[in-house]
C-alpha atoms as a PDB file:
ATOM      1  CA  UNK A   1     138.822  -6.984 207.447  1.00  0.00           C
ATOM      2  CA  UNK A   2     141.662  -5.997 204.768  1.00  0.00           C
ATOM      3  CA  UNK A   3     139.387  -4.642 202.143  1.00  0.00           C
ATOM      4  CA  UNK A   4     141.713  -6.099 199.817  1.00  0.00           C
ATOM      5  CA  UNK A   5     139.210  -8.601 198.026  1.00  0.00           C
ATOM      6  CA  UNK A   6     137.494  -7.092 194.988  1.00  0.00           C
ATOM      7  CA  UNK A   7     133.977  -7.612 194.184  1.00  0.00           C
ATOM      8  CA  UNK A   8     133.408  -8.957 190.807  1.00  0.00           C
ATOM      9  CA  UNK A   9     130.721  -9.227 188.380  1.00  0.00           C
ATOM     10  CA  UNK A  10     130.199 -11.764 185.738  1.00  0.00           C
ATOM     11  CA  UNK A  11     129.816 -10.887 182.114  1.00  0.00           C
ATOM     12  CA  UNK A  12     129.218 -12.862 178.968  1.00  0.00           C
ATOM     13  CA  UNK A  13     130.287 -12.257 175.300  1.00  0.00           C
ATOM     14  CA  UNK A  14     129.027 -14.006 172.199  1.00  0.00           C
ATOM     15  CA  UNK A  15     132.263 -14.666 169.773  1.00  0.00           C
ATOM     16  CA  UNK A  16     133.141 -15.851 166.642  1.00  0.00           C
ATOM     17  CA  UNK A  17     136.324 -18.036 165.888  1.00  0.00           C
ATOM     18  CA  UNK A  18     138.684 -15.273 164.867  1.00  0.00           C
ATOM     19  CA  UNK A  19     138.103 -13.396 168.330  1.00  0.00           C
ATOM     20  CA  UNK A  20     138.179 -16.599 170.281  1.00  0.00           C
ATOM     21  CA  UNK A  21     141.548 -17.510 168.664  1.00  0.00           C
ATOM     22  CA  UNK A  22     143.097 -14.232 169.815  1.00  0.00           C
ATOM     23  CA  UNK A  23     141.734 -14.582 173.444  1.00  0.00           C
ATOM     24  CA  UNK A  24     142.913 -18.149 173.565  1.00  0.00           C
ATOM     25  CA  UNK A  25     146.578 -16.631 172.461  1.00  0.00           C
ATOM     26  CA  UNK A  26     146.472 -14.299 175.363  1.00  0.00           C
ATOM     27  CA  UNK A  27     146.090 -17.129 177.783  1.00  0.00           C
ATOM     28  CA  UNK A  28     142.350 -16.422 178.226  1.00  0.00           C
ATOM     29  CA  UNK A  29     143.531 -13.212 180.186  1.00  0.00           C
ATOM     30  CA  UNK A  30     142.306 -10.277 177.645  1.00  0.00           C
ATOM     31  CA  UNK A  31     140.001  -9.392 174.988  1.00  0.00           C
ATOM     32  CA  UNK A  32     141.953  -8.512 171.671  1.00  0.00           C
ATOM     33  CA  UNK A  33     142.008  -4.792 170.455  1.00  0.00           C
ATOM     34  CA  UNK A  34     138.863  -3.771 168.577  1.00  0.00           C
ATOM     35  CA  UNK A  35     139.155  -3.462 164.604  1.00  0.00           C
ATOM     36  CA  UNK A  36     138.856   0.027 163.223  1.00  0.00           C
ATOM     37  CA  UNK A  37     135.395  -0.657 162.166  1.00  0.00           C
ATOM     38  CA  UNK A  38     134.393  -1.779 165.690  1.00  0.00           C
ATOM     39  CA  UNK A  39     134.488   1.365 168.020  1.00  0.00           C
ATOM     40  CA  UNK A  40     132.891  -0.459 170.942  1.00  0.00           C
ATOM     41  CA  UNK A  41     133.262  -3.818 173.033  1.00  0.00           C
ATOM     42  CA  UNK A  42     129.963  -5.143 174.016  1.00  0.00           C
ATOM     43  CA  UNK A  43     129.922  -7.478 176.952  1.00  0.00           C
ATOM     44  CA  UNK A  44     126.261  -8.481 177.906  1.00  0.00           C
ATOM     45  CA  UNK A  45     124.920  -8.968 181.339  1.00  0.00           C
ATOM     46  CA  UNK A  46     123.133 -12.541 180.999  1.00  0.00           C
ATOM     47  CA  UNK A  47     123.998 -15.731 179.622  1.00  0.00           C
ATOM     48  CA  UNK A  48     120.761 -16.181 177.622  1.00  0.00           C
ATOM     49  CA  UNK A  49     121.247 -13.122 175.548  1.00  0.00           C
ATOM     50  CA  UNK A  50     124.821 -14.208 174.737  1.00  0.00           C
ATOM     51  CA  UNK A  51     123.484 -17.519 173.621  1.00  0.00           C
ATOM     52  CA  UNK A  52     120.949 -16.296 171.363  1.00  0.00           C
ATOM     53  CA  UNK A  53     123.716 -13.969 169.735  1.00  0.00           C
ATOM     54  CA  UNK A  54     126.269 -16.925 169.221  1.00  0.00           C
ATOM     55  CA  UNK A  55     123.659 -19.353 167.977  1.00  0.00           C
ATOM     56  CA  UNK A  56     121.845 -17.102 165.791  1.00  0.00           C
ATOM     57  CA  UNK A  57     124.199 -14.437 164.512  1.00  0.00           C
ATOM     58  CA  UNK A  58     127.815 -15.908 165.018  1.00  0.00           C
ATOM     59  CA  UNK A  59     126.702 -19.445 163.442  1.00  0.00           C
ATOM     60  CA  UNK A  60     125.261 -17.764 160.338  1.00  0.00           C
ATOM     61  CA  UNK A  61     128.011 -15.594 159.702  1.00  0.00           C
ATOM     62  CA  UNK A  62     131.041 -17.642 160.851  1.00  0.00           C
ATOM     63  CA  UNK A  63     130.068 -21.111 160.782  1.00  0.00           C
ATOM     64  CA  UNK A  64     130.472 -21.300 164.607  1.00  0.00           C
ATOM     65  CA  UNK A  65     129.542 -19.253 167.530  1.00  0.00           C
ATOM     66  CA  UNK A  66     131.062 -19.087 171.116  1.00  0.00           C
ATOM     67  CA  UNK A  67     129.800 -17.760 174.439  1.00  0.00           C
ATOM     68  CA  UNK A  68     132.499 -16.833 177.218  1.00  0.00           C
ATOM     69  CA  UNK A  69     132.127 -16.004 180.484  1.00  0.00           C
ATOM     70  CA  UNK A  70     134.222 -13.541 182.615  1.00  0.00           C
ATOM     71  CA  UNK A  71     134.207 -11.554 185.683  1.00  0.00           C
ATOM     72  CA  UNK A  72     135.530  -7.778 185.892  1.00  0.00           C
ATOM     73  CA  UNK A  73     136.092  -5.729 189.222  1.00  0.00           C
ATOM     74  CA  UNK A  74     132.507  -4.332 189.971  1.00  0.00           C
ATOM     75  CA  UNK A  75     133.806  -1.127 191.008  1.00  0.00           C
ATOM     76  CA  UNK A  76     135.644  -0.490 187.679  1.00  0.00           C
ATOM     77  CA  UNK A  77     132.301  -1.418 185.753  1.00  0.00           C
ATOM     78  CA  UNK A  78     130.243   1.254 187.236  1.00  0.00           C
ATOM     79  CA  UNK A  79     131.647   3.561 184.703  1.00  0.00           C
ATOM     80  CA  UNK A  80     129.656   1.793 182.100  1.00  0.00           C
ATOM     81  CA  UNK A  81     125.787   2.398 182.301  1.00  0.00           C
ATOM     82  CA  UNK A  82     123.860  -0.788 181.214  1.00  0.00           C
ATOM     83  CA  UNK A  83     122.329  -0.249 177.972  1.00  0.00           C
ATOM     84  CA  UNK A  84     119.029  -1.966 177.034  1.00  0.00           C
ATOM     85  CA  UNK A  85     119.501  -3.109 173.232  1.00  0.00           C
ATOM     86  CA  UNK A  86     116.141  -4.694 173.182  1.00  0.00           C
ATOM     87  CA  UNK A  87     113.674  -6.505 175.273  1.00  0.00           C
ATOM     88  CA  UNK A  88     114.170  -6.140 179.090  1.00  0.00           C
ATOM     89  CA  UNK A  89     116.722  -8.940 179.474  1.00  0.00           C
ATOM     90  CA  UNK A  90     118.723  -7.748 176.172  1.00  0.00           C
ATOM     91  CA  UNK A  91     121.378  -5.911 178.270  1.00  0.00           C
ATOM     92  CA  UNK A  92     125.103  -5.044 177.536  1.00  0.00           C
ATOM     93  CA  UNK A  93     127.918  -2.535 178.475  1.00  0.00           C
ATOM     94  CA  UNK A  94     129.394  -0.463 175.519  1.00  0.00           C
ATOM     95  CA  UNK A  95     133.233  -0.104 176.426  1.00  0.00           C
ATOM     96  CA  UNK A  96     134.931   2.336 173.759  1.00  0.00           C
ATOM     97  CA  UNK A  97     137.772   0.655 172.101  1.00  0.00           C
ATOM     98  CA  UNK A  98     140.148   2.860 173.617  1.00  0.00           C
ATOM     99  CA  UNK A  99     139.403   1.837 176.986  1.00  0.00           C
ATOM    100  CA  UNK A 100     139.626  -1.881 176.391  1.00  0.00           C
ATOM    101  CA  UNK A 101     143.150  -2.394 177.620  1.00  0.00           C
ATOM    102  CA  UNK A 102     142.154  -0.729 180.930  1.00  0.00           C
ATOM    103  CA  UNK A 103     139.097  -2.899 180.921  1.00  0.00           C
ATOM    104  CA  UNK A 104     141.304  -5.957 180.398  1.00  0.00           C
ATOM    105  CA  UNK A 105     143.364  -4.884 183.438  1.00  0.00           C
ATOM    106  CA  UNK A 106     140.224  -5.491 185.633  1.00  0.00           C
ATOM    107  CA  UNK A 107     139.432  -8.964 184.554  1.00  0.00           C
ATOM    108  CA  UNK A 108     139.196 -11.129 187.656  1.00  0.00           C
ATOM    109  CA  UNK A 109     140.380 -14.686 186.737  1.00  0.00           C
ATOM    110  CA  UNK A 110     140.525 -16.043 183.366  1.00  0.00           C
ATOM    111  CA  UNK A 111     138.105 -15.833 180.118  1.00  0.00           C
ATOM    112  CA  UNK A 112     135.996 -19.263 179.970  1.00  0.00           C
ATOM    113  CA  UNK A 113     134.450 -20.792 176.886  1.00  0.00           C
ATOM    114  CA  UNK A 114     131.113 -22.060 178.188  1.00  0.00           C
ATOM    115  CA  UNK A 115     129.168 -22.855 174.832  1.00  0.00           C
ATOM    116  CA  UNK A 116     129.933 -23.665 171.383  1.00  0.00           C
ATOM    117  CA  UNK A 117     127.297 -23.690 168.419  1.00  0.00           C
ATOM    118  CA  UNK A 118     127.601 -24.917 164.790  1.00  0.00           C
END
């Protein structure tokens, strides 16, 4: 075995229209830099939690909410402990804004749009 294939972890991200437009501009290959008032990038560990945020929060604040799915090199992700943000399935990672470019360099494949709520 060559050991060249990287194991990846699937993550989800609920997002609004502005962020999704920037992801689209990147060719579906990168998350945009955080705004000054956004010190943390929060990908989530399950689709149901991402759907809940997109449907219940993004739609209320932007008129539309999206859920994206993407994969990240599992070895790289080990530096970010899983955070429980509520119930036992409300799990997310906290990626400091200054590490987002490095995080993007460990994406495996494109970011995919999987749900849209209006």
